């Protein structure tokens, strides 16, 4: 089931990939692995819907939200262990 935030988070992730000149052939896979990071940042209120940081917000709140989101998600929906969440550009 797709949450309300998933399409927005996926688009933010896709945009960040393109902004960083990732090859188009790699973007869909990257988005599948990392959209939940953007979703957590949005939910924590540290990132806006354009993928920009909100000034004065504590990024640690977003990281904690990401950790909680991953722990609450079925394993099939999260990034494999070898994909280190600390490397998330968000």
Protein backbone atom coordinates (compact mmCIF):
# COMPACT_ATOMS: atom_id res chain seq x y z
CA UNK A 1 0.00 0.00 0.00
CA UNK A 2 1.28 3.46 -0.90
CA UNK A 3 1.17 6.10 1.82
CA UNK A 4 0.21 9.70 1.02
CA UNK A 5 3.79 10.82 1.51
CA UNK A 6 5.40 8.14 -0.66
CA UNK A 7 4.82 9.80 -4.08
CA UNK A 8 6.19 13.11 -2.79
CA UNK A 9 9.19 11.45 -1.16
CA UNK A 10 9.91 9.45 -4.31
CA UNK A 11 9.81 12.61 -6.44
CA UNK A 12 12.13 14.45 -4.03
CA UNK A 13 14.56 11.53 -4.15
CA UNK A 14 14.36 11.40 -7.95
CA UNK A 15 15.02 15.15 -8.15
CA UNK A 16 18.04 14.90 -5.87
CA UNK A 17 19.45 12.12 -8.05
CA UNK A 18 19.05 14.25 -11.16
CA UNK A 19 20.47 17.34 -9.43
CA UNK A 20 23.55 15.25 -8.66
CA UNK A 21 23.75 14.06 -12.29
CA UNK A 22 23.10 10.41 -11.54
CA UNK A 23 22.69 8.37 -14.75
CA UNK A 24 18.98 7.93 -15.57
CA UNK A 25 19.46 4.15 -15.68
CA UNK A 26 20.32 4.13 -11.95
CA UNK A 27 17.69 6.55 -10.64
CA UNK A 28 14.70 4.19 -10.28
CA UNK A 29 16.73 1.70 -8.26
CA UNK A 30 18.16 4.46 -6.05
CA UNK A 31 14.67 5.89 -5.47
CA UNK A 32 13.36 2.44 -4.47
CA UNK A 33 16.16 2.15 -1.92
CA UNK A 34 16.08 5.66 -0.46
CA UNK A 35 12.65 7.29 -0.76
CA UNK A 36 11.92 6.47 2.88
CA UNK A 37 14.73 8.78 3.95
CA UNK A 38 13.02 11.71 2.22
CA UNK A 39 9.67 10.65 3.71
CA UNK A 40 11.13 10.65 7.21
CA UNK A 41 12.69 14.08 6.70
CA UNK A 42 9.35 15.46 5.51
CA UNK A 43 7.46 13.89 8.41
CA UNK A 44 9.99 15.24 10.92
CA UNK A 45 9.60 18.72 9.46
CA UNK A 46 13.26 19.21 8.57
CA UNK A 47 12.73 19.19 4.80
CA UNK A 48 10.07 20.85 2.67
CA UNK A 49 8.18 19.34 -0.27
CA UNK A 50 10.78 20.62 -2.72
CA UNK A 51 13.58 18.73 -0.96
CA UNK A 52 15.09 21.82 0.64
CA UNK A 53 16.16 21.91 4.27
CA UNK A 54 14.03 24.04 6.56
CA UNK A 55 16.29 26.55 8.25
CA UNK A 56 16.63 26.24 12.01
CA UNK A 57 15.41 22.63 12.17
CA UNK A 58 17.46 19.91 13.86
CA UNK A 59 18.55 17.32 11.30
CA UNK A 60 18.84 14.77 14.10
CA UNK A 61 15.03 14.75 14.31
CA UNK A 62 14.94 13.63 10.69
CA UNK A 63 17.55 10.94 11.25
CA UNK A 64 15.62 9.62 14.24
CA UNK A 65 12.41 9.60 12.17
CA UNK A 66 14.24 7.69 9.43
CA UNK A 67 15.50 5.12 11.94
CA UNK A 68 11.99 4.68 13.34
CA UNK A 69 10.51 4.40 9.85
CA UNK A 70 12.98 1.67 8.88
CA UNK A 71 12.37 -0.27 12.09
CA UNK A 72 8.60 -0.14 11.55
CA UNK A 73 8.72 -1.17 7.86
CA UNK A 74 8.60 -4.74 6.60
CA UNK A 75 12.08 -5.84 5.50
CA UNK A 76 10.95 -6.11 1.88
CA UNK A 77 10.23 -2.38 1.71
CA UNK A 78 13.49 -1.10 3.17
CA UNK A 79 17.02 -0.79 1.84
CA UNK A 80 19.24 -3.83 2.28
CA UNK A 81 21.71 -3.70 5.17
CA UNK A 82 24.64 -2.93 2.86
CA UNK A 83 23.01 0.42 2.03
CA UNK A 84 24.13 2.60 4.91
CA UNK A 85 21.39 5.14 5.85
CA UNK A 86 24.08 7.54 7.09
CA UNK A 87 25.05 8.05 3.44
CA UNK A 88 21.63 9.54 2.72
CA UNK A 89 22.23 12.95 1.12
CA UNK A 90 19.06 14.42 2.54
